[in-house]
Amino acid sequence: MGFEWFQEFKLIIRDLTGHIDWLQEIQLVVRDSTGYIDWLQEIQLIIRDSSSHIDWLQEIQLVIRDSSSHIDWLQEIQLIIRDSAGHIDWLQEIQLIIRDSAGHIDWLQEIQLVIRDSSSHIDWLQEIQLIIRDSTSHIDWFHGN
């Protein structure tokens, strides 16, 4: 149960002021042009902190599930968080979680979690990107932002 037509998907979050300290939660749900994707149960990008400020972000989770117990079509997943400056060693917890219903991730060829920034603040976060690719085809059915 692959989707070999799926080449690239990007979630990009920006604000013009560079401030997202009001952010409490982001959820990403991917659907195809029919309005649903029965091979895929859930794709979620969840960002939370314990208050309405993301200066001291407590948790980042990327969760991907499909209904077929495996997603061996997946070649690359990248969760990239950048701000205009440098590193975020102040960050308490980052989780990149990928599960299939069988509990295996043997099928996964590559996982990259890259987080860069350059100060102790994420108030002025410039960009969040979620990139999902496989080796072939395209996602031209997708008309999201």
N, C-alpha and C. Protein backbone atom coordinates (compact mmCIF):
# COMPACT_ATOMS: atom_id res chain seq x y z
N MET A 1 0.83 -1.19 0.00
CA MET A 1 0.00 0.00 0.00
C MET A 1 0.86 1.24 0.00
N GLY A 2 1.46 1.50 -1.12
CA GLY A 2 2.31 2.67 -1.20
C GLY A 2 1.59 3.83 -1.85
N PHE A 3 2.31 4.92 -1.93
CA PHE A 3 1.81 5.96 -2.81
C PHE A 3 3.00 6.48 -3.59
N GLU A 4 3.36 5.71 -4.64
CA GLU A 4 4.55 6.01 -5.41
C GLU A 4 4.44 7.32 -6.19
N TRP A 5 3.23 7.84 -6.27
CA TRP A 5 3.04 9.15 -6.91
C TRP A 5 3.47 10.28 -6.00
N PHE A 6 3.70 9.98 -4.75
CA PHE A 6 3.96 11.03 -3.76
C PHE A 6 5.43 11.42 -3.77
N GLN A 7 5.72 12.64 -4.16
CA GLN A 7 7.11 13.04 -4.25
C GLN A 7 7.53 13.98 -3.15
N GLU A 8 6.75 14.99 -2.90
CA GLU A 8 7.18 15.95 -1.90
C GLU A 8 5.98 16.67 -1.32
N PHE A 9 6.05 16.85 -0.02
CA PHE A 9 5.04 17.64 0.66
C PHE A 9 5.76 18.58 1.60
N LYS A 10 5.31 19.82 1.65
CA LYS A 10 5.95 20.79 2.53
C LYS A 10 4.90 21.48 3.38
N LEU A 11 5.18 21.54 4.66
CA LEU A 11 4.44 22.42 5.54
C LEU A 11 5.39 23.52 5.96
N ILE A 12 5.03 24.76 5.63
CA ILE A 12 5.87 25.91 5.98
C ILE A 12 5.04 26.87 6.81
N ILE A 13 5.57 27.23 7.96
CA ILE A 13 4.89 28.16 8.86
C ILE A 13 5.77 29.37 9.05
N ARG A 14 5.22 30.52 8.75
CA ARG A 14 5.96 31.76 8.92
C ARG A 14 5.00 32.82 9.42
N ASP A 15 5.54 33.77 10.17
CA ASP A 15 4.79 35.01 10.33
C ASP A 15 5.72 36.16 10.02
N LEU A 16 5.14 37.27 9.62
CA LEU A 16 5.95 38.38 9.12
C LEU A 16 6.74 39.05 10.23
N THR A 17 6.24 38.99 11.44
CA THR A 17 6.96 39.62 12.55
C THR A 17 8.02 38.70 13.13
N GLY A 18 7.98 37.43 12.76
CA GLY A 18 8.93 36.48 13.33
C GLY A 18 8.52 35.98 14.70
N HIS A 19 7.35 36.36 15.18
CA HIS A 19 6.90 35.94 16.50
C HIS A 19 5.85 34.85 16.38
N ILE A 20 6.08 33.75 17.05
CA ILE A 20 5.01 32.76 17.19
C ILE A 20 4.87 32.33 18.64
N ASP A 21 5.18 33.21 19.57
CA ASP A 21 5.13 32.82 20.97
C ASP A 21 3.71 32.65 21.47
N TRP A 22 2.75 32.97 20.64
CA TRP A 22 1.35 32.74 20.97
C TRP A 22 0.93 31.32 20.64
N LEU A 23 1.80 30.59 19.96
CA LEU A 23 1.42 29.30 19.39
C LEU A 23 1.25 28.24 20.47
N GLN A 24 0.12 27.57 20.47
CA GLN A 24 -0.09 26.48 21.41
C GLN A 24 -0.06 25.12 20.74
N GLU A 25 -0.64 25.03 19.57
CA GLU A 25 -0.71 23.73 18.93
C GLU A 25 -0.85 23.89 17.44
N ILE A 26 -0.14 23.04 16.70
CA ILE A 26 -0.29 22.96 15.25
C ILE A 26 -0.57 21.51 14.91
N GLN A 27 -1.58 21.28 14.12
CA GLN A 27 -1.84 19.94 13.63
C GLN A 27 -1.89 19.96 12.12
N LEU A 28 -1.17 19.02 11.53
CA LEU A 28 -1.18 18.86 10.09
C LEU A 28 -1.90 17.56 9.75
N VAL A 29 -2.94 17.66 8.95
CA VAL A 29 -3.63 16.49 8.44
C VAL A 29 -3.59 16.56 6.92
N VAL A 30 -3.14 15.49 6.30
CA VAL A 30 -2.99 15.46 4.85
C VAL A 30 -4.12 14.65 4.23
N ARG A 31 -4.78 15.25 3.25
CA ARG A 31 -5.83 14.56 2.51
C ARG A 31 -5.56 14.72 1.02
N ASP A 32 -6.05 13.75 0.26
CA ASP A 32 -5.87 13.86 -1.18
C ASP A 32 -7.09 14.54 -1.80
N SER A 33 -7.12 14.62 -3.13
CA SER A 33 -8.14 15.40 -3.81
C SER A 33 -9.54 14.84 -3.62
N THR A 34 -9.66 13.58 -3.23
CA THR A 34 -10.97 13.01 -2.96
C THR A 34 -11.47 13.40 -1.58
N GLY A 35 -10.64 14.05 -0.79
CA GLY A 35 -11.04 14.48 0.54
C GLY A 35 -10.58 13.55 1.64
N TYR A 36 -10.00 12.42 1.27
CA TYR A 36 -9.51 11.49 2.29
C TYR A 36 -8.45 10.59 1.65
N ILE A 37 -7.73 9.89 2.46
CA ILE A 37 -6.70 8.99 1.95
C ILE A 37 -6.77 7.70 2.76
N ASP A 38 -7.45 6.72 2.25
CA ASP A 38 -7.74 5.52 3.01
C ASP A 38 -6.49 4.69 3.31
N TRP A 39 -5.43 4.87 2.54
CA TRP A 39 -4.20 4.14 2.85
C TRP A 39 -3.47 4.76 4.02
N LEU A 40 -3.80 6.01 4.32
CA LEU A 40 -3.08 6.71 5.37
C LEU A 40 -4.03 7.09 6.49
N GLN A 41 -3.69 6.70 7.70
CA GLN A 41 -4.58 7.01 8.80
C GLN A 41 -4.36 8.41 9.34
N GLU A 42 -3.12 8.79 9.48
CA GLU A 42 -2.89 10.05 10.16
C GLU A 42 -1.49 10.57 9.88
N ILE A 43 -1.41 11.86 9.60
CA ILE A 43 -0.14 12.57 9.66
C ILE A 43 -0.38 13.78 10.55
N GLN A 44 0.38 13.88 11.59
CA GLN A 44 0.21 14.99 12.50
C GLN A 44 1.54 15.62 12.82
N LEU A 45 1.57 16.91 12.71
CA LEU A 45 2.68 17.67 13.27
C LEU A 45 2.11 18.47 14.43
N ILE A 46 2.56 18.16 15.63
CA ILE A 46 2.01 18.78 16.83
C ILE A 46 3.11 19.53 17.56
N ILE A 47 2.84 20.78 17.82
CA ILE A 47 3.78 21.58 18.59
C ILE A 47 3.04 22.15 19.79
N ARG A 48 3.57 21.87 20.97
CA ARG A 48 2.91 22.32 22.18
C ARG A 48 3.94 22.85 23.15
N ASP A 49 3.51 23.79 23.96
CA ASP A 49 4.26 24.05 25.17
C ASP A 49 3.28 24.19 26.32
N SER A 50 3.79 24.32 27.53
CA SER A 50 2.93 24.27 28.71
C SER A 50 2.17 25.57 28.92
N SER A 51 2.55 26.61 28.22
CA SER A 51 1.82 27.87 28.29
C SER A 51 1.55 28.32 26.87
N SER A 52 1.12 29.55 26.72
CA SER A 52 0.86 30.06 25.38
C SER A 52 2.13 30.62 24.75
N HIS A 53 3.26 30.42 25.39
CA HIS A 53 4.54 30.87 24.85
C HIS A 53 5.35 29.68 24.35
N ILE A 54 6.02 29.90 23.26
CA ILE A 54 6.86 28.84 22.69
C ILE A 54 8.33 29.13 22.94
N ASP A 55 8.62 30.13 23.78
CA ASP A 55 10.02 30.42 24.13
C ASP A 55 10.71 29.21 24.73
N TRP A 56 9.96 28.46 25.50
CA TRP A 56 10.52 27.30 26.17
C TRP A 56 9.68 26.10 25.81
N LEU A 57 9.73 25.77 24.55
CA LEU A 57 8.92 24.71 23.95
C LEU A 57 9.16 23.38 24.65
N GLN A 58 8.09 22.71 25.01
CA GLN A 58 8.22 21.48 25.77
C GLN A 58 8.18 20.24 24.89
N GLU A 59 7.50 20.32 23.77
CA GLU A 59 7.33 19.11 23.00
C GLU A 59 7.11 19.43 21.53
N ILE A 60 7.79 18.67 20.69
CA ILE A 60 7.52 18.67 19.26
C ILE A 60 7.30 17.22 18.86
N GLN A 61 6.20 16.94 18.22
CA GLN A 61 5.94 15.58 17.79
C GLN A 61 5.54 15.56 16.33
N LEU A 62 6.16 14.67 15.60
CA LEU A 62 5.70 14.34 14.26
C LEU A 62 5.25 12.89 14.28
N VAL A 63 3.98 12.65 14.03
CA VAL A 63 3.43 11.30 14.08
C VAL A 63 2.88 10.95 12.71
N ILE A 64 3.31 9.83 12.20
CA ILE A 64 2.81 9.35 10.91
C ILE A 64 2.31 7.92 11.08
N ARG A 65 1.07 7.68 10.67
CA ARG A 65 0.50 6.35 10.74
C ARG A 65 -0.15 6.04 9.40
N ASP A 66 -0.09 4.78 9.02
CA ASP A 66 -0.94 4.37 7.91
C ASP A 66 -1.69 3.10 8.30
N SER A 67 -2.73 2.80 7.55
CA SER A 67 -3.64 1.72 7.94
C SER A 67 -3.12 0.34 7.54
N SER A 68 -2.03 0.30 6.77
CA SER A 68 -1.57 -0.97 6.21
C SER A 68 -0.47 -1.60 7.04
N SER A 69 -0.18 -1.06 8.21
CA SER A 69 0.81 -1.58 9.13
C SER A 69 2.24 -1.29 8.72
N HIS A 70 2.44 -0.70 7.58
CA HIS A 70 3.78 -0.30 7.19
C HIS A 70 3.70 0.76 6.10
N ILE A 71 4.73 1.55 5.98
CA ILE A 71 4.78 2.55 4.91
C ILE A 71 6.15 2.49 4.25
N ASP A 72 6.47 1.36 3.66
CA ASP A 72 7.79 1.15 3.08
C ASP A 72 8.02 2.00 1.85
N TRP A 73 6.99 2.68 1.39
CA TRP A 73 7.15 3.63 0.30
C TRP A 73 7.90 4.86 0.74
N LEU A 74 8.00 5.07 2.04
CA LEU A 74 8.55 6.32 2.54
C LEU A 74 10.07 6.31 2.44
N GLN A 75 10.63 7.28 1.76
CA GLN A 75 12.07 7.32 1.61
C GLN A 75 12.72 8.31 2.55
N GLU A 76 12.07 9.42 2.78
CA GLU A 76 12.70 10.44 3.58
C GLU A 76 11.65 11.25 4.32
N ILE A 77 11.93 11.50 5.59
CA ILE A 77 11.12 12.43 6.37
C ILE A 77 12.06 13.44 6.99
N GLN A 78 11.74 14.68 6.86
CA GLN A 78 12.53 15.71 7.51
C GLN A 78 11.61 16.65 8.26
N LEU A 79 11.95 16.84 9.52
CA LEU A 79 11.32 17.91 10.28
C LEU A 79 12.39 18.94 10.55
N ILE A 80 12.23 20.12 9.97
CA ILE A 80 13.25 21.16 10.06
C ILE A 80 12.66 22.38 10.73
N ILE A 81 13.34 22.84 11.76
CA ILE A 81 12.93 24.06 12.44
C ILE A 81 14.10 25.02 12.42
N ARG A 82 13.86 26.22 11.93
CA ARG A 82 14.91 27.21 11.85
C ARG A 82 14.42 28.52 12.42
N ASP A 83 15.33 29.26 13.03
CA ASP A 83 15.07 30.66 13.25
C ASP A 83 16.19 31.43 12.55
N SER A 84 16.14 32.74 12.61
CA SER A 84 17.05 33.54 11.81
C SER A 84 18.48 33.48 12.31
N ALA A 85 18.70 32.87 13.46
CA ALA A 85 20.05 32.84 13.99
C ALA A 85 20.67 31.47 14.22
N GLY A 86 20.30 30.65 15.20
CA GLY A 86 21.20 29.51 15.46
C GLY A 86 20.89 28.17 16.08
N HIS A 87 20.99 27.94 17.35
CA HIS A 87 20.70 26.65 17.95
C HIS A 87 19.69 26.79 19.08
N ILE A 88 19.15 25.68 19.51
CA ILE A 88 18.12 25.74 20.54
C ILE A 88 18.39 24.69 21.60
N ASP A 89 19.52 24.80 22.25
CA ASP A 89 19.86 23.87 23.31
C ASP A 89 19.01 24.09 24.55
N TRP A 90 18.24 25.14 24.57
CA TRP A 90 17.30 25.36 25.65
C TRP A 90 16.10 24.43 25.54
N LEU A 91 15.93 23.82 24.39
CA LEU A 91 14.75 23.00 24.13
C LEU A 91 14.74 21.78 25.04
N GLN A 92 13.62 21.55 25.71
CA GLN A 92 13.58 20.49 26.71
C GLN A 92 13.36 19.12 26.10
N GLU A 93 12.53 19.04 25.10
CA GLU A 93 12.23 17.74 24.54
C GLU A 93 11.84 17.87 23.08
N ILE A 94 12.41 17.01 22.26
CA ILE A 94 12.01 16.89 20.86
C ILE A 94 11.75 15.42 20.59
N GLN A 95 10.62 15.14 19.99
CA GLN A 95 10.33 13.76 19.63
C GLN A 95 9.96 13.70 18.16
N LEU A 96 10.63 12.82 17.45
CA LEU A 96 10.19 12.45 16.11
C LEU A 96 9.71 11.01 16.21
N ILE A 97 8.41 10.83 16.10
CA ILE A 97 7.81 9.52 16.32
C ILE A 97 7.17 9.04 15.03
N ILE A 98 7.60 7.89 14.57
CA ILE A 98 7.00 7.30 13.38
C ILE A 98 6.66 5.86 13.71
N ARG A 99 5.38 5.52 13.60
CA ARG A 99 4.94 4.18 13.95
C ARG A 99 4.03 3.66 12.85
N ASP A 100 4.10 2.36 12.63
CA ASP A 100 3.03 1.71 11.91
C ASP A 100 2.30 0.83 12.90
N SER A 101 1.19 0.26 12.48
CA SER A 101 0.35 -0.47 13.43
C SER A 101 1.02 -1.75 13.91
N ALA A 102 2.05 -2.21 13.18
CA ALA A 102 2.80 -3.39 13.62
C ALA A 102 3.89 -3.02 14.61
N GLY A 103 4.11 -1.75 14.82
CA GLY A 103 5.13 -1.33 15.77
C GLY A 103 6.53 -1.30 15.18
N HIS A 104 6.64 -1.52 13.88
CA HIS A 104 7.95 -1.54 13.24
C HIS A 104 8.24 -0.20 12.57
N ILE A 105 9.49 0.17 12.53
CA ILE A 105 9.92 1.21 11.62
C ILE A 105 11.11 0.72 10.79
N ASP A 106 11.23 -0.60 10.62
CA ASP A 106 12.31 -1.18 9.83
C ASP A 106 12.27 -0.70 8.38
N TRP A 107 11.08 -0.43 7.91
CA TRP A 107 10.88 -0.04 6.52
C TRP A 107 11.43 1.36 6.25
N LEU A 108 11.67 2.12 7.32
CA LEU A 108 12.05 3.52 7.12
C LEU A 108 13.51 3.62 6.69
N GLN A 109 13.76 4.28 5.58
CA GLN A 109 15.11 4.38 5.07
C GLN A 109 15.90 5.49 5.74
N GLU A 110 15.25 6.58 6.03
CA GLU A 110 15.98 7.70 6.60
C GLU A 110 15.05 8.57 7.42
N ILE A 111 15.51 8.96 8.60
CA ILE A 111 14.82 9.96 9.40
C ILE A 111 15.82 11.04 9.75
N GLN A 112 15.44 12.27 9.52
CA GLN A 112 16.29 13.37 9.93
C GLN A 112 15.48 14.35 10.76
N LEU A 113 15.98 14.63 11.94
CA LEU A 113 15.41 15.71 12.73
C LEU A 113 16.49 16.76 12.88
N VAL A 114 16.28 17.90 12.24
CA VAL A 114 17.26 18.97 12.24
C VAL A 114 16.64 20.20 12.89
N ILE A 115 17.29 20.69 13.91
CA ILE A 115 16.80 21.89 14.58
C ILE A 115 17.94 22.87 14.72
N ARG A 116 17.74 24.06 14.18
CA ARG A 116 18.77 25.07 14.24
C ARG A 116 18.18 26.38 14.70
N ASP A 117 18.97 27.13 15.39
CA ASP A 117 18.61 28.46 15.81
C ASP A 117 19.88 29.05 16.36
N SER A 118 19.84 30.22 16.89
CA SER A 118 21.11 30.77 17.28
C SER A 118 21.03 31.59 18.54
N SER A 119 19.85 31.62 19.11
CA SER A 119 19.74 32.27 20.39
C SER A 119 18.97 31.33 21.30
N SER A 120 18.64 31.80 22.46
CA SER A 120 17.84 30.98 23.37
C SER A 120 16.36 31.24 23.18
N HIS A 121 15.99 31.94 22.12
CA HIS A 121 14.58 32.27 21.90
C HIS A 121 14.09 31.63 20.61
N ILE A 122 12.84 31.25 20.65
CA ILE A 122 12.17 30.84 19.42
C ILE A 122 11.01 31.79 19.15
N ASP A 123 10.97 32.92 19.85
CA ASP A 123 9.93 33.93 19.64
C ASP A 123 9.88 34.38 18.19
N TRP A 124 11.05 34.44 17.60
CA TRP A 124 11.13 34.99 16.27
C TRP A 124 11.49 33.90 15.28
N LEU A 125 10.87 32.77 15.45
CA LEU A 125 11.04 31.63 14.56
C LEU A 125 10.65 32.02 13.13
N GLN A 126 11.54 31.77 12.22
CA GLN A 126 11.32 32.22 10.85
C GLN A 126 10.60 31.17 10.00
N GLU A 127 10.87 29.92 10.28
CA GLU A 127 10.35 28.91 9.37
C GLU A 127 10.26 27.57 10.07
N ILE A 128 9.16 26.88 9.81
CA ILE A 128 9.03 25.47 10.16
C ILE A 128 8.71 24.74 8.87
N GLN A 129 9.47 23.72 8.56
CA GLN A 129 9.23 22.95 7.35
C GLN A 129 9.06 21.48 7.70
N LEU A 130 8.02 20.90 7.15
CA LEU A 130 7.86 19.46 7.17
C LEU A 130 7.95 18.99 5.73
N ILE A 131 8.93 18.15 5.44
CA ILE A 131 9.15 17.68 4.08
C ILE A 131 9.04 16.16 4.07
N ILE A 132 8.17 15.65 3.22
CA ILE A 132 8.04 14.21 3.06
C ILE A 132 8.22 13.88 1.59
N ARG A 133 9.13 12.94 1.31
CA ARG A 133 9.40 12.59 -0.08
C ARG A 133 9.42 11.08 -0.23
N ASP A 134 9.11 10.62 -1.42
CA ASP A 134 9.52 9.28 -1.79
C ASP A 134 10.27 9.37 -3.11
N SER A 135 10.76 8.24 -3.58
CA SER A 135 11.73 8.26 -4.67
C SER A 135 11.12 8.60 -6.02
N THR A 136 9.81 8.47 -6.15
CA THR A 136 9.20 8.66 -7.46
C THR A 136 8.04 9.64 -7.41
N SER A 137 7.59 10.04 -8.54
CA SER A 137 6.34 10.72 -8.82
C SER A 137 6.08 12.06 -8.16
N HIS A 138 4.82 12.43 -8.05
CA HIS A 138 4.47 13.81 -7.78
C HIS A 138 3.20 13.89 -6.96
N ILE A 139 2.91 15.08 -6.48
CA ILE A 139 1.79 15.32 -5.57
C ILE A 139 0.87 16.39 -6.15
N ASP A 140 0.75 16.41 -7.49
CA ASP A 140 0.05 17.51 -8.14
C ASP A 140 -1.46 17.49 -7.88
N TRP A 141 -1.94 16.46 -7.24
CA TRP A 141 -3.34 16.47 -6.82
C TRP A 141 -3.55 17.36 -5.62
N PHE A 142 -2.47 17.70 -4.95
CA PHE A 142 -2.58 18.43 -3.69
C PHE A 142 -2.67 19.92 -3.95
N HIS A 143 -3.70 20.55 -3.40
CA HIS A 143 -3.93 21.96 -3.66
C HIS A 143 -3.90 22.79 -2.38
N GLY A 144 -3.18 22.29 -1.39
CA GLY A 144 -3.09 23.03 -0.13
C GLY A 144 -2.11 24.17 -0.25
N ASN A 145 -1.94 24.89 0.87
CA ASN A 145 -1.02 26.03 0.87
C ASN A 145 0.40 25.53 0.93
